[in-house]
Amino acid sequence: MPRLIGSCPHFYVSDIHAALDHYCDVLGFRRPRIWGEPPCFAMPDRDGFIVMLSHSDEHPPAPNGAHDAWDAYFWCTGVDALHEEFVARGANIAYEPTDQESYGIREMAVRDLDGHLLAFGEELESARG
C-alpha cells in the first residue's frame, strides 16, 4: 500500500549562496551540493529534514512570514537549547520559546534572509521534563 514517507518546504530565495550560508552557518543545516549553471538550487538538511532552496529572479520570495504565518514548522526536542544555539549563531529570532498552552507546544521561530518564518516546536510535556 502506498504511503507518504517525507515532506519538505520549497522556498524561492533572492541569493542562493547567501541563503545556503544562512541555513548552514546560522541554522545548523548540512551544506549540500548546489545544482544548476549558474548555481540555483540546493537542499540543505538537518536531522533528516530538508529545505529546498531555489534562486529565482522571476519568482521573488513571497514568504507567508510577511503575514506572520509560518512558512515551515519543525517539531523538535530541546527547543530551548535549539534557541540558544540559534542566538549564538546570530539567527534573526522572530519570537522566543513560548508555551502555547492551547495546542500543547513550546515553540520559537526564526526568519531567514528572505523573510521566511520557520517555527520549531516541542510538546510541552517533553519541554518541561
N, C-alpha and C. Protein backbone atom coordinates (compact mmCIF):
# COMPACT_ATOMS: atom_id res chain seq x y z
N MET A 1 0.84 -1.19 0.00
CA MET A 1 0.00 0.00 0.00
C MET A 1 0.88 1.24 0.00
N PRO A 2 0.63 2.20 -0.87
CA PRO A 2 1.43 3.43 -0.91
C PRO A 2 1.29 4.22 0.38
N ARG A 3 2.38 4.92 0.75
CA ARG A 3 2.34 5.80 1.92
C ARG A 3 3.31 6.94 1.71
N LEU A 4 3.03 8.03 2.34
CA LEU A 4 3.94 9.18 2.30
C LEU A 4 5.10 8.91 3.25
N ILE A 5 6.29 9.25 2.84
CA ILE A 5 7.44 8.98 3.69
C ILE A 5 8.27 10.23 3.99
N GLY A 6 7.88 11.38 3.48
CA GLY A 6 8.62 12.60 3.78
C GLY A 6 7.98 13.80 3.13
N SER A 7 8.45 14.95 3.54
CA SER A 7 7.96 16.21 3.02
C SER A 7 9.01 17.27 3.28
N CYS A 8 9.03 18.30 2.44
CA CYS A 8 9.93 19.41 2.71
C CYS A 8 9.38 20.69 2.09
N PRO A 9 9.63 21.81 2.73
CA PRO A 9 9.22 23.07 2.13
C PRO A 9 10.15 23.44 0.98
N HIS A 10 9.64 24.23 0.05
CA HIS A 10 10.41 24.71 -1.09
C HIS A 10 10.30 26.23 -1.10
N PHE A 11 11.42 26.91 -0.92
CA PHE A 11 11.43 28.37 -0.84
C PHE A 11 12.18 28.97 -2.02
N TYR A 12 11.61 30.00 -2.62
CA TYR A 12 12.34 30.82 -3.57
C TYR A 12 13.19 31.81 -2.76
N VAL A 13 14.43 31.98 -3.18
CA VAL A 13 15.35 32.88 -2.47
C VAL A 13 15.99 33.85 -3.45
N SER A 14 16.38 35.00 -2.94
CA SER A 14 16.94 36.03 -3.80
C SER A 14 18.42 35.81 -4.11
N ASP A 15 19.13 35.07 -3.25
CA ASP A 15 20.56 34.81 -3.44
C ASP A 15 20.85 33.42 -2.90
N ILE A 16 21.04 32.44 -3.78
CA ILE A 16 21.21 31.05 -3.36
C ILE A 16 22.42 30.87 -2.44
N HIS A 17 23.51 31.57 -2.70
CA HIS A 17 24.71 31.40 -1.87
C HIS A 17 24.49 31.98 -0.47
N ALA A 18 23.92 33.17 -0.39
CA ALA A 18 23.65 33.78 0.92
C ALA A 18 22.63 32.95 1.70
N ALA A 19 21.59 32.46 1.01
CA ALA A 19 20.58 31.64 1.67
C ALA A 19 21.20 30.36 2.20
N LEU A 20 22.02 29.72 1.40
CA LEU A 20 22.66 28.48 1.81
C LEU A 20 23.61 28.72 2.99
N ASP A 21 24.38 29.80 2.94
CA ASP A 21 25.25 30.14 4.08
C ASP A 21 24.42 30.32 5.34
N HIS A 22 23.29 30.99 5.23
CA HIS A 22 22.43 31.24 6.39
C HIS A 22 21.89 29.92 6.97
N TYR A 23 21.35 29.08 6.12
CA TYR A 23 20.80 27.81 6.60
C TYR A 23 21.87 26.92 7.23
N CYS A 24 23.07 26.94 6.65
CA CYS A 24 24.14 26.07 7.16
C CYS A 24 24.87 26.68 8.35
N ASP A 25 25.29 27.93 8.23
CA ASP A 25 26.12 28.54 9.27
C ASP A 25 25.32 29.05 10.45
N VAL A 26 24.09 29.49 10.23
CA VAL A 26 23.28 30.07 11.31
C VAL A 26 22.29 29.06 11.86
N LEU A 27 21.63 28.30 10.99
CA LEU A 27 20.59 27.37 11.45
C LEU A 27 21.08 25.93 11.58
N GLY A 28 22.35 25.69 11.27
CA GLY A 28 22.95 24.38 11.54
C GLY A 28 22.59 23.27 10.57
N PHE A 29 22.12 23.61 9.38
CA PHE A 29 21.85 22.59 8.37
C PHE A 29 23.16 22.14 7.74
N ARG A 30 23.16 20.94 7.17
CA ARG A 30 24.34 20.39 6.50
C ARG A 30 24.42 20.99 5.10
N ARG A 31 25.63 21.40 4.72
CA ARG A 31 25.85 22.05 3.42
C ARG A 31 25.77 21.00 2.31
N PRO A 32 24.87 21.21 1.35
CA PRO A 32 24.69 20.25 0.27
C PRO A 32 25.37 20.69 -1.02
N ARG A 33 25.22 19.88 -2.01
CA ARG A 33 25.61 20.20 -3.38
C ARG A 33 24.69 21.33 -3.88
N ILE A 34 25.21 22.16 -4.78
CA ILE A 34 24.39 23.19 -5.44
C ILE A 34 24.28 22.79 -6.91
N TRP A 35 23.05 22.78 -7.42
CA TRP A 35 22.79 22.40 -8.81
C TRP A 35 22.58 23.63 -9.67
N GLY A 36 22.80 23.46 -10.97
CA GLY A 36 22.49 24.48 -11.95
C GLY A 36 23.70 25.27 -12.41
N GLU A 37 23.56 25.88 -13.56
CA GLU A 37 24.60 26.75 -14.11
C GLU A 37 23.90 27.96 -14.71
N PRO A 38 23.92 29.08 -14.07
CA PRO A 38 24.60 29.33 -12.80
C PRO A 38 23.91 28.60 -11.64
N PRO A 39 24.62 28.44 -10.52
CA PRO A 39 24.05 27.73 -9.38
C PRO A 39 22.70 28.33 -8.96
N CYS A 40 21.70 27.44 -8.77
CA CYS A 40 20.37 27.96 -8.50
C CYS A 40 19.51 27.10 -7.58
N PHE A 41 19.98 25.93 -7.15
CA PHE A 41 19.14 25.04 -6.35
C PHE A 41 19.99 24.24 -5.37
N ALA A 42 19.51 24.12 -4.13
CA ALA A 42 20.21 23.34 -3.11
C ALA A 42 19.20 22.79 -2.13
N MET A 43 19.58 21.70 -1.45
CA MET A 43 18.71 21.06 -0.47
C MET A 43 19.46 20.82 0.84
N PRO A 44 19.68 21.86 1.66
CA PRO A 44 20.32 21.64 2.95
C PRO A 44 19.42 20.78 3.84
N ASP A 45 20.05 20.00 4.72
CA ASP A 45 19.25 19.17 5.63
C ASP A 45 19.80 19.24 7.03
N ARG A 46 18.92 18.98 7.97
CA ARG A 46 19.30 18.89 9.38
C ARG A 46 18.46 17.80 10.00
N ASP A 47 19.12 16.83 10.62
CA ASP A 47 18.44 15.73 11.30
C ASP A 47 17.45 15.02 10.39
N GLY A 48 17.79 14.91 9.10
CA GLY A 48 16.94 14.20 8.16
C GLY A 48 15.82 15.03 7.54
N PHE A 49 15.76 16.31 7.86
CA PHE A 49 14.73 17.18 7.29
C PHE A 49 15.37 18.13 6.29
N ILE A 50 14.78 18.23 5.12
CA ILE A 50 15.32 19.00 4.02
C ILE A 50 14.50 20.27 3.80
N VAL A 51 15.19 21.34 3.41
CA VAL A 51 14.55 22.55 2.91
C VAL A 51 15.10 22.76 1.50
N MET A 52 14.20 22.83 0.52
CA MET A 52 14.63 23.10 -0.85
C MET A 52 14.72 24.61 -1.05
N LEU A 53 15.85 25.07 -1.60
CA LEU A 53 16.07 26.49 -1.86
C LEU A 53 16.31 26.68 -3.35
N SER A 54 15.52 27.56 -3.98
CA SER A 54 15.66 27.83 -5.41
C SER A 54 15.83 29.32 -5.63
N HIS A 55 16.92 29.68 -6.30
CA HIS A 55 17.11 31.08 -6.69
C HIS A 55 16.19 31.37 -7.87
N SER A 56 15.53 32.52 -7.81
CA SER A 56 14.68 32.92 -8.92
C SER A 56 14.53 34.42 -8.95
N ASP A 57 14.87 35.01 -10.09
CA ASP A 57 14.60 36.43 -10.29
C ASP A 57 13.16 36.63 -10.75
N GLU A 58 12.59 35.60 -11.39
CA GLU A 58 11.24 35.70 -11.93
C GLU A 58 10.17 35.50 -10.86
N HIS A 59 10.49 34.72 -9.85
CA HIS A 59 9.55 34.45 -8.76
C HIS A 59 10.18 34.93 -7.46
N PRO A 60 10.07 36.21 -7.17
CA PRO A 60 10.70 36.71 -5.94
C PRO A 60 10.12 36.03 -4.71
N PRO A 61 10.89 35.96 -3.66
CA PRO A 61 10.40 35.33 -2.44
C PRO A 61 9.08 35.96 -2.00
N ALA A 62 8.14 35.12 -1.66
CA ALA A 62 6.83 35.59 -1.17
C ALA A 62 6.49 34.80 0.08
N PRO A 63 7.23 35.04 1.15
CA PRO A 63 7.02 34.23 2.35
C PRO A 63 5.69 34.51 3.02
N ASN A 64 5.12 33.45 3.61
CA ASN A 64 3.95 33.61 4.46
C ASN A 64 4.30 34.45 5.67
N GLY A 65 5.58 34.37 6.09
CA GLY A 65 6.04 35.09 7.27
C GLY A 65 5.78 36.58 7.22
N ALA A 66 5.65 37.11 6.01
CA ALA A 66 5.33 38.53 5.88
C ALA A 66 3.95 38.81 6.47
N HIS A 67 3.16 37.75 6.62
CA HIS A 67 1.82 37.87 7.18
C HIS A 67 1.74 37.18 8.54
N ASP A 68 2.89 36.95 9.17
CA ASP A 68 3.00 36.26 10.45
C ASP A 68 2.45 34.85 10.43
N ALA A 69 2.46 34.20 9.27
CA ALA A 69 2.10 32.79 9.17
C ALA A 69 3.39 32.01 8.93
N TRP A 70 3.48 30.82 9.46
CA TRP A 70 4.68 30.00 9.28
C TRP A 70 4.83 29.58 7.83
N ASP A 71 6.05 29.57 7.37
CA ASP A 71 6.36 29.00 6.06
C ASP A 71 6.75 27.53 6.21
N ALA A 72 7.31 27.18 7.36
CA ALA A 72 7.67 25.79 7.67
C ALA A 72 7.60 25.61 9.18
N TYR A 73 7.24 24.41 9.59
CA TYR A 73 7.15 24.10 11.02
C TYR A 73 7.91 22.81 11.24
N PHE A 74 8.86 22.83 12.18
CA PHE A 74 9.66 21.65 12.51
C PHE A 74 9.37 21.25 13.95
N TRP A 75 8.91 20.02 14.16
CA TRP A 75 8.79 19.50 15.51
C TRP A 75 10.18 19.07 15.92
N CYS A 76 10.52 19.30 17.18
CA CYS A 76 11.87 19.03 17.63
C CYS A 76 11.87 18.59 19.09
N THR A 77 13.05 18.28 19.58
CA THR A 77 13.28 18.10 21.01
C THR A 77 14.28 19.17 21.41
N GLY A 78 14.24 19.57 22.67
CA GLY A 78 15.21 20.55 23.17
C GLY A 78 15.06 21.92 22.55
N VAL A 79 13.84 22.41 22.46
CA VAL A 79 13.59 23.69 21.79
C VAL A 79 14.35 24.84 22.46
N ASP A 80 14.51 24.81 23.79
CA ASP A 80 15.24 25.88 24.46
C ASP A 80 16.73 25.84 24.09
N ALA A 81 17.30 24.65 24.03
CA ALA A 81 18.70 24.52 23.62
C ALA A 81 18.88 24.92 22.16
N LEU A 82 17.90 24.58 21.32
CA LEU A 82 17.96 24.98 19.92
C LEU A 82 17.92 26.50 19.80
N HIS A 83 17.08 27.13 20.60
CA HIS A 83 17.01 28.60 20.64
C HIS A 83 18.37 29.19 21.01
N GLU A 84 19.00 28.63 22.06
CA GLU A 84 20.33 29.12 22.48
C GLU A 84 21.34 28.97 21.35
N GLU A 85 21.29 27.84 20.63
CA GLU A 85 22.19 27.62 19.50
C GLU A 85 21.98 28.69 18.43
N PHE A 86 20.72 28.93 18.09
CA PHE A 86 20.41 29.92 17.06
C PHE A 86 20.85 31.32 17.47
N VAL A 87 20.62 31.69 18.73
CA VAL A 87 21.04 33.00 19.23
C VAL A 87 22.56 33.14 19.12
N ALA A 88 23.28 32.10 19.54
CA ALA A 88 24.74 32.13 19.49
C ALA A 88 25.27 32.28 18.06
N ARG A 89 24.52 31.78 17.10
CA ARG A 89 24.94 31.85 15.70
C ARG A 89 24.42 33.09 14.99
N GLY A 90 23.68 33.95 15.71
CA GLY A 90 23.22 35.21 15.14
C GLY A 90 21.94 35.12 14.35
N ALA A 91 21.10 34.13 14.62
CA ALA A 91 19.83 33.99 13.89
C ALA A 91 18.90 35.16 14.19
N ASN A 92 18.04 35.48 13.25
CA ASN A 92 17.01 36.50 13.42
C ASN A 92 15.83 35.84 14.12
N ILE A 93 15.75 35.99 15.43
CA ILE A 93 14.70 35.36 16.22
C ILE A 93 13.41 36.15 16.05
N ALA A 94 12.39 35.49 15.52
CA ALA A 94 11.08 36.14 15.34
C ALA A 94 10.32 36.17 16.67
N TYR A 95 10.38 35.06 17.42
CA TYR A 95 9.87 35.06 18.78
C TYR A 95 10.56 33.98 19.59
N GLU A 96 10.75 34.30 20.88
CA GLU A 96 11.44 33.45 21.83
C GLU A 96 10.61 32.20 22.14
N PRO A 97 11.23 31.15 22.73
CA PRO A 97 10.44 29.99 23.13
C PRO A 97 9.27 30.41 24.02
N THR A 98 8.10 29.97 23.62
CA THR A 98 6.86 30.36 24.28
C THR A 98 5.97 29.14 24.43
N ASP A 99 5.38 28.98 25.61
CA ASP A 99 4.43 27.88 25.82
C ASP A 99 3.10 28.23 25.16
N GLN A 100 2.70 27.40 24.23
CA GLN A 100 1.41 27.57 23.55
C GLN A 100 0.44 26.56 24.17
N GLU A 101 -0.13 26.94 25.30
CA GLU A 101 -1.00 26.03 26.06
C GLU A 101 -2.17 25.53 25.22
N SER A 102 -2.69 26.37 24.33
CA SER A 102 -3.88 25.98 23.56
C SER A 102 -3.66 24.76 22.68
N TYR A 103 -2.40 24.55 22.23
CA TYR A 103 -2.14 23.36 21.42
C TYR A 103 -0.98 22.52 21.95
N GLY A 104 -0.57 22.78 23.20
CA GLY A 104 0.36 21.90 23.90
C GLY A 104 1.77 21.86 23.37
N ILE A 105 2.26 22.98 22.85
CA ILE A 105 3.61 23.03 22.27
C ILE A 105 4.39 24.21 22.85
N ARG A 106 5.67 24.01 23.10
CA ARG A 106 6.59 25.11 23.40
C ARG A 106 7.32 25.37 22.10
N GLU A 107 7.22 26.59 21.58
CA GLU A 107 7.76 26.84 20.25
C GLU A 107 8.48 28.19 20.19
N MET A 108 9.31 28.30 19.17
CA MET A 108 10.02 29.54 18.85
C MET A 108 10.06 29.64 17.33
N ALA A 109 10.45 30.80 16.82
CA ALA A 109 10.55 30.94 15.36
C ALA A 109 11.69 31.86 14.99
N VAL A 110 12.22 31.62 13.80
CA VAL A 110 13.28 32.46 13.22
C VAL A 110 12.85 32.87 11.82
N ARG A 111 13.45 33.97 11.34
CA ARG A 111 13.25 34.39 9.95
C ARG A 111 14.56 34.18 9.20
N ASP A 112 14.44 33.67 7.97
CA ASP A 112 15.65 33.52 7.16
C ASP A 112 15.92 34.85 6.44
N LEU A 113 16.92 34.88 5.60
CA LEU A 113 17.32 36.13 4.94
C LEU A 113 16.26 36.69 4.00
N ASP A 114 15.36 35.83 3.51
CA ASP A 114 14.30 36.27 2.61
C ASP A 114 12.97 36.47 3.31
N GLY A 115 12.98 36.40 4.65
CA GLY A 115 11.78 36.66 5.42
C GLY A 115 10.90 35.46 5.70
N HIS A 116 11.30 34.26 5.26
CA HIS A 116 10.51 33.07 5.56
C HIS A 116 10.51 32.83 7.08
N LEU A 117 9.37 32.48 7.61
CA LEU A 117 9.20 32.26 9.04
C LEU A 117 9.22 30.76 9.32
N LEU A 118 10.26 30.31 10.04
CA LEU A 118 10.43 28.90 10.37
C LEU A 118 10.19 28.73 11.86
N ALA A 119 9.21 27.89 12.21
CA ALA A 119 8.89 27.63 13.61
C ALA A 119 9.46 26.27 14.02
N PHE A 120 9.82 26.18 15.29
CA PHE A 120 10.36 24.95 15.86
C PHE A 120 9.60 24.70 17.16
N GLY A 121 8.97 23.54 17.29
CA GLY A 121 8.14 23.29 18.45
C GLY A 121 8.38 21.93 19.08
N GLU A 122 8.19 21.89 20.38
CA GLU A 122 8.35 20.66 21.17
C GLU A 122 7.12 20.51 22.05
N GLU A 123 6.64 19.27 22.21
CA GLU A 123 5.50 19.03 23.08
C GLU A 123 5.80 19.58 24.47
N LEU A 124 4.82 20.26 25.06
CA LEU A 124 5.03 20.88 26.37
C LEU A 124 5.49 19.89 27.42
N GLU A 125 4.94 18.71 27.44
CA GLU A 125 5.34 17.72 28.44
C GLU A 125 6.80 17.39 28.34
N SER A 126 7.32 17.25 27.12
CA SER A 126 8.76 16.98 26.92
C SER A 126 9.60 18.18 27.31
N ALA A 127 9.15 19.38 26.94
CA ALA A 127 9.92 20.59 27.22
C ALA A 127 10.03 20.85 28.71
N ARG A 128 9.00 20.48 29.46
CA ARG A 128 9.01 20.71 30.91
C ARG A 128 9.75 19.62 31.65
N GLY A 129 10.08 18.53 30.95
CA GLY A 129 10.87 17.47 31.51
C GLY A 129 10.15 16.65 32.48
